Structures are given as C-alpha cells and as structure tokens.
Amino acid sequence: MANDDRRFVSADDVETQVFDWGTLKWLSEPRVTNAKRIAAGVVILEPGKGHTRHNHPGVEEILYVISGTGIQMVEDAEGQPMRRAVAAGDLVHIPADVFHETINTGWEPMRILAVYSPPGPEALLRAMTECQIVPAGEIPRRS
C-alpha cells in the first residue's frame, strides 16, 4: 500500500504479522496512513498464549481489550511486576520503557486494540525473524 495519507483503512488493506502467539494488523502506522506520532492496530492473542515480557524504549502504549480475557502485567516504578485480570472494556496504559506482558487466559482468541506513541514498535515486530508477513488481502493460515 502506498503511503498516501489514507483516512479510511480496512483490515484487508494491510498486511498481517503472524507469530506463534497470535496475529497483528497495523491499521495506522507511518507506512499505511503516514501517521507521524501514533500507530494503532488490532492484536489477536491465541488461547493460552501471549506477548511475553518486553518493553518499548521511548514509546508509550495503550491496550484496549475488545474481547476475551487475560492477565496483564505492567511493572511499577521499582520494576516490580503488577498483574491484573483484564477483559473486554478494560484499558491499560503502559508508560515508555516499562516492561509488560499480556497473556490470553481464555478459551477463545483475545482481541486488543494496541496504540503506540510515537510509532516504531510495529516496524520492529515486522523485522523479527519469527514474524511471518501475510500480504494485504490474504487470509493468514495457521499450521
């Protein structure tokens, strides 16, 4: 997709990033909407799986749970993990540089809206060796 200041984006317009723990579709990022200060996408975590402990240097993150249930960990100011059950309708703010993880504890996929400010982690995920890129418009297949 050309970087053409798109205002309307559907899931079929963007690639899918596939990992063993789930899939991501970045609906707004610099390469899709020419966004300068924000990235947003839908994350689907498979049952019993998740995005384990990691951080985003210099990047704040918002996670909004669309559906499903899970355990969210966010470290406090002293680096101690704080864990909480999360479900549809819950929002989690993760300050820049703070370690966190999200694990799906339910029997069905957990859907999350993820927002980064500034953008950047979505490009790092794309570059990971364990990331399989499924082109826009194609349906990801799990083995």
C-alpha atoms as a PDB file:
ATOM      1  CA  MET A   1       0.000   0.000   0.000  1.00  0.00           C
ATOM      2  CA  ALA A   2       1.308   3.424  -0.876  1.00  0.00           C
ATOM      3  CA  ASN A   3       1.979   5.879   1.911  1.00  0.00           C
ATOM      4  CA  ASP A   4      -0.741   8.288   0.769  1.00  0.00           C
ATOM      5  CA  ASP A   5      -2.251   9.883   3.890  1.00  0.00           C
ATOM      6  CA  ARG A   6      -5.134   7.386   3.934  1.00  0.00           C
ATOM      7  CA  ARG A   7      -8.049   8.402   6.091  1.00  0.00           C
ATOM      8  CA  PHE A   8     -10.021   5.136   5.877  1.00  0.00           C
ATOM      9  CA  VAL A   9      -8.338   1.754   6.271  1.00  0.00           C
ATOM     10  CA  SER A  10      -9.870  -1.712   6.443  1.00  0.00           C
ATOM     11  CA  ALA A  11      -8.216  -4.898   7.656  1.00  0.00           C
ATOM     12  CA  ASP A  12      -7.968  -6.144   4.059  1.00  0.00           C
ATOM     13  CA  ASP A  13      -5.857  -3.084   3.171  1.00  0.00           C
ATOM     14  CA  VAL A  14      -2.913  -4.032   5.400  1.00  0.00           C
ATOM     15  CA  GLU A  15      -0.538  -6.938   5.874  1.00  0.00           C
ATOM     16  CA  THR A  16      -0.892  -9.359   8.771  1.00  0.00           C
ATOM     17  CA  GLN A  17       2.020 -10.048  11.093  1.00  0.00           C
ATOM     18  CA  VAL A  18       1.822 -13.679  12.251  1.00  0.00           C
ATOM     19  CA  PHE A  19       3.653 -15.034  15.302  1.00  0.00           C
ATOM     20  CA  ASP A  20       3.292 -18.329  17.187  1.00  0.00           C
ATOM     21  CA  TRP A  21       1.358 -16.406  19.873  1.00  0.00           C
ATOM     22  CA  GLY A  22      -1.030 -14.512  17.596  1.00  0.00           C
ATOM     23  CA  THR A  23      -1.523 -12.018  14.804  1.00  0.00           C
ATOM     24  CA  LEU A  24      -1.362  -8.239  14.359  1.00  0.00           C
ATOM     25  CA  LYS A  25      -2.814  -5.850  11.805  1.00  0.00           C
ATOM     26  CA  TRP A  26      -1.428  -2.311  11.962  1.00  0.00           C
ATOM     27  CA  LEU A  27      -4.253  -0.184  10.572  1.00  0.00           C
ATOM     28  CA  SER A  28      -2.431   3.080  11.152  1.00  0.00           C
ATOM     29  CA  GLU A  29       1.336   3.451  11.052  1.00  0.00           C
ATOM     30  CA  PRO A  30       3.698   5.622   9.025  1.00  0.00           C
ATOM     31  CA  ARG A  31       3.745   3.223   6.050  1.00  0.00           C
ATOM     32  CA  VAL A  32      -0.064   2.947   5.929  1.00  0.00           C
ATOM     33  CA  THR A  33      -1.513   6.350   6.881  1.00  0.00           C
ATOM     34  CA  ASN A  34       1.627   8.482   7.016  1.00  0.00           C
ATOM     35  CA  ALA A  35       0.944   8.935  10.754  1.00  0.00           C
ATOM     36  CA  LYS A  36       3.779  10.837  12.418  1.00  0.00           C
ATOM     37  CA  ARG A  37       3.051  10.472  16.143  1.00  0.00           C
ATOM     38  CA  ILE A  38       0.898   7.378  16.566  1.00  0.00           C
ATOM     39  CA  ALA A  39       0.398   3.779  15.441  1.00  0.00           C
ATOM     40  CA  ALA A  40      -2.697   1.659  16.061  1.00  0.00           C
ATOM     41  CA  GLY A  41      -3.598  -1.899  15.286  1.00  0.00           C
ATOM     42  CA  VAL A  42      -5.551  -4.969  16.294  1.00  0.00           C
ATOM     43  CA  VAL A  43      -3.760  -7.766  18.145  1.00  0.00           C
ATOM     44  CA  ILE A  44      -5.259 -11.245  18.378  1.00  0.00           C
ATOM     45  CA  LEU A  45      -3.731 -13.482  21.048  1.00  0.00           C
ATOM     46  CA  GLU A  46      -4.429 -17.204  20.707  1.00  0.00           C
ATOM     47  CA  PRO A  47      -5.856 -19.104  23.731  1.00  0.00           C
ATOM     48  CA  GLY A  48      -3.188 -19.767  26.345  1.00  0.00           C
ATOM     49  CA  LYS A  49      -0.618 -17.645  24.524  1.00  0.00           C
ATOM     50  CA  GLY A  50       0.589 -14.096  24.712  1.00  0.00           C
ATOM     51  CA  HIS A  51       3.205 -11.473  24.127  1.00  0.00           C
ATOM     52  CA  THR A  52       5.642 -12.177  26.966  1.00  0.00           C
ATOM     53  CA  ARG A  53       7.710  -9.651  28.954  1.00  0.00           C
ATOM     54  CA  HIS A  54       9.071  -6.859  26.746  1.00  0.00           C
ATOM     55  CA  ASN A  55       9.285  -3.077  26.618  1.00  0.00           C
ATOM     56  CA  HIS A  56       9.271  -0.267  24.079  1.00  0.00           C
ATOM     57  CA  PRO A  57      12.073   2.249  24.716  1.00  0.00           C
ATOM     58  CA  GLY A  58      10.752   5.792  24.365  1.00  0.00           C
ATOM     59  CA  VAL A  59       7.252   4.650  23.384  1.00  0.00           C
ATOM     60  CA  GLU A  60       4.010   4.811  25.379  1.00  0.00           C
ATOM     61  CA  GLU A  61       1.388   2.148  24.740  1.00  0.00           C
ATOM     62  CA  ILE A  62      -2.347   1.866  25.285  1.00  0.00           C
ATOM     63  CA  LEU A  63      -4.040  -1.540  25.217  1.00  0.00           C
ATOM     64  CA  TYR A  64      -7.828  -1.678  24.997  1.00  0.00           C
ATOM     65  CA  VAL A  65      -9.362  -5.144  25.371  1.00  0.00           C
ATOM     66  CA  ILE A  66     -12.037  -5.623  22.706  1.00  0.00           C
ATOM     67  CA  SER A  67     -12.913  -9.220  23.587  1.00  0.00           C
ATOM     68  CA  GLY A  68     -11.609 -12.152  25.577  1.00  0.00           C
ATOM     69  CA  THR A  69      -9.880 -12.414  28.927  1.00  0.00           C
ATOM     70  CA  GLY A  70      -6.301 -12.364  30.043  1.00  0.00           C
ATOM     71  CA  ILE A  71      -3.678 -11.427  32.581  1.00  0.00           C
ATOM     72  CA  GLN A  72      -1.869  -8.134  32.058  1.00  0.00           C
ATOM     73  CA  MET A  73       1.465  -7.467  33.737  1.00  0.00           C
ATOM     74  CA  VAL A  74       2.923  -3.973  33.955  1.00  0.00           C
ATOM     75  CA  GLU A  75       5.985  -3.247  36.099  1.00  0.00           C
ATOM     76  CA  ASP A  76       5.728  -0.474  38.673  1.00  0.00           C
ATOM     77  CA  ALA A  77       8.229   2.352  39.199  1.00  0.00           C
ATOM     78  CA  GLU A  78      10.533  -0.021  41.162  1.00  0.00           C
ATOM     79  CA  GLY A  79      10.430  -2.663  38.439  1.00  0.00           C
ATOM     80  CA  GLN A  80       8.120  -4.970  40.366  1.00  0.00           C
ATOM     81  CA  PRO A  81       5.502  -6.774  38.259  1.00  0.00           C
ATOM     82  CA  MET A  82       1.862  -5.810  38.861  1.00  0.00           C
ATOM     83  CA  ARG A  83      -0.588  -8.368  37.452  1.00  0.00           C
ATOM     84  CA  ARG A  84      -4.302  -7.938  36.899  1.00  0.00           C
ATOM     85  CA  ALA A  85      -7.051  -9.871  35.158  1.00  0.00           C
ATOM     86  CA  VAL A  86      -8.345  -7.935  32.149  1.00  0.00           C
ATOM     87  CA  ALA A  87     -11.417  -8.396  29.971  1.00  0.00           C
ATOM     88  CA  ALA A  88     -13.460  -6.636  27.306  1.00  0.00           C
ATOM     89  CA  GLY A  89     -13.796  -2.937  28.080  1.00  0.00           C
ATOM     90  CA  ASP A  90     -10.578  -2.664  30.107  1.00  0.00           C
ATOM     91  CA  LEU A  91      -7.802  -0.249  29.146  1.00  0.00           C
ATOM     92  CA  VAL A  92      -4.159  -0.494  30.183  1.00  0.00           C
ATOM     93  CA  HIS A  93      -1.691   2.417  29.931  1.00  0.00           C
ATOM     94  CA  ILE A  94       1.962   1.394  29.677  1.00  0.00           C
ATOM     95  CA  PRO A  95       4.439   4.252  30.137  1.00  0.00           C
ATOM     96  CA  ALA A  96       7.501   4.460  27.900  1.00  0.00           C
ATOM     97  CA  ASP A  97      10.297   1.992  28.739  1.00  0.00           C
ATOM     98  CA  VAL A  98       8.144  -0.042  31.175  1.00  0.00           C
ATOM     99  CA  PHE A  99       8.220  -3.840  30.869  1.00  0.00           C
ATOM    100  CA  HIS A 100       4.869  -5.551  30.356  1.00  0.00           C
ATOM    101  CA  GLU A 101       3.215  -8.710  29.031  1.00  0.00           C
ATOM    102  CA  THR A 102      -0.248  -9.833  28.003  1.00  0.00           C
ATOM    103  CA  ILE A 103      -1.372 -13.471  28.244  1.00  0.00           C
ATOM    104  CA  ASN A 104      -4.698 -14.817  26.993  1.00  0.00           C
ATOM    105  CA  THR A 105      -6.213 -16.914  29.793  1.00  0.00           C
ATOM    106  CA  GLY A 106      -9.450 -17.716  27.974  1.00  0.00           C
ATOM    107  CA  TRP A 107     -10.590 -20.439  25.603  1.00  0.00           C
ATOM    108  CA  GLU A 108     -11.134 -18.086  22.672  1.00  0.00           C
ATOM    109  CA  PRO A 109      -8.886 -15.566  20.921  1.00  0.00           C
ATOM    110  CA  MET A 110      -8.332 -12.308  22.820  1.00  0.00           C
ATOM    111  CA  ARG A 111      -8.709  -9.172  20.670  1.00  0.00           C
ATOM    112  CA  ILE A 112      -6.895  -5.988  21.697  1.00  0.00           C
ATOM    113  CA  LEU A 113      -6.552  -2.541  20.172  1.00  0.00           C
ATOM    114  CA  ALA A 114      -2.902  -1.501  20.622  1.00  0.00           C
ATOM    115  CA  VAL A 115      -1.786   2.118  20.260  1.00  0.00           C
ATOM    116  CA  TYR A 116       1.843   3.309  20.245  1.00  0.00           C
ATOM    117  CA  SER A 117       3.062   6.882  20.595  1.00  0.00           C
ATOM    118  CA  PRO A 118       5.331   7.554  18.843  1.00  0.00           C
ATOM    119  CA  PRO A 119       5.173   4.755  16.251  1.00  0.00           C
ATOM    120  CA  GLY A 120       8.091   2.366  15.894  1.00  0.00           C
ATOM    121  CA  PRO A 121       7.495  -0.946  17.690  1.00  0.00           C
ATOM    122  CA  GLU A 122       5.265  -2.164  14.852  1.00  0.00           C
ATOM    123  CA  ALA A 123       8.252  -1.900  12.486  1.00  0.00           C
ATOM    124  CA  LEU A 124      10.484  -3.745  14.977  1.00  0.00           C
ATOM    125  CA  LEU A 125       7.923  -6.560  15.194  1.00  0.00           C
ATOM    126  CA  ARG A 126       7.826  -6.792  11.385  1.00  0.00           C
ATOM    127  CA  ALA A 127      11.616  -7.197  11.318  1.00  0.00           C
ATOM    128  CA  MET A 128      11.739 -10.068  13.832  1.00  0.00           C
ATOM    129  CA  THR A 129      12.830 -13.406  12.374  1.00  0.00           C
ATOM    130  CA  GLU A 130       9.832 -15.186  13.926  1.00  0.00           C
ATOM    131  CA  CYS A 131       7.399 -12.806  12.193  1.00  0.00           C
ATOM    132  CA  GLN A 132       5.656 -14.175   9.120  1.00  0.00           C
ATOM    133  CA  ILE A 133       4.199 -11.465   6.875  1.00  0.00           C
ATOM    134  CA  VAL A 134       0.956 -12.292   5.094  1.00  0.00           C
ATOM    135  CA  PRO A 135       0.277  -9.767   2.321  1.00  0.00           C
ATOM    136  CA  ALA A 136      -2.741  -7.460   2.426  1.00  0.00           C
ATOM    137  CA  GLY A 137      -5.944  -9.169   1.362  1.00  0.00           C
ATOM    138  CA  GLU A 138      -4.672 -12.703   2.037  1.00  0.00           C
ATOM    139  CA  ILE A 139      -6.001 -14.818   4.900  1.00  0.00           C
ATOM    140  CA  PRO A 140      -3.361 -15.988   7.397  1.00  0.00           C
ATOM    141  CA  ARG A 141      -3.170 -19.770   7.698  1.00  0.00           C
ATOM    142  CA  ARG A 142      -2.052 -21.498  10.865  1.00  0.00           C
ATOM    143  CA  SER A 143      -0.245 -24.818  10.676  1.00  0.00           C
END
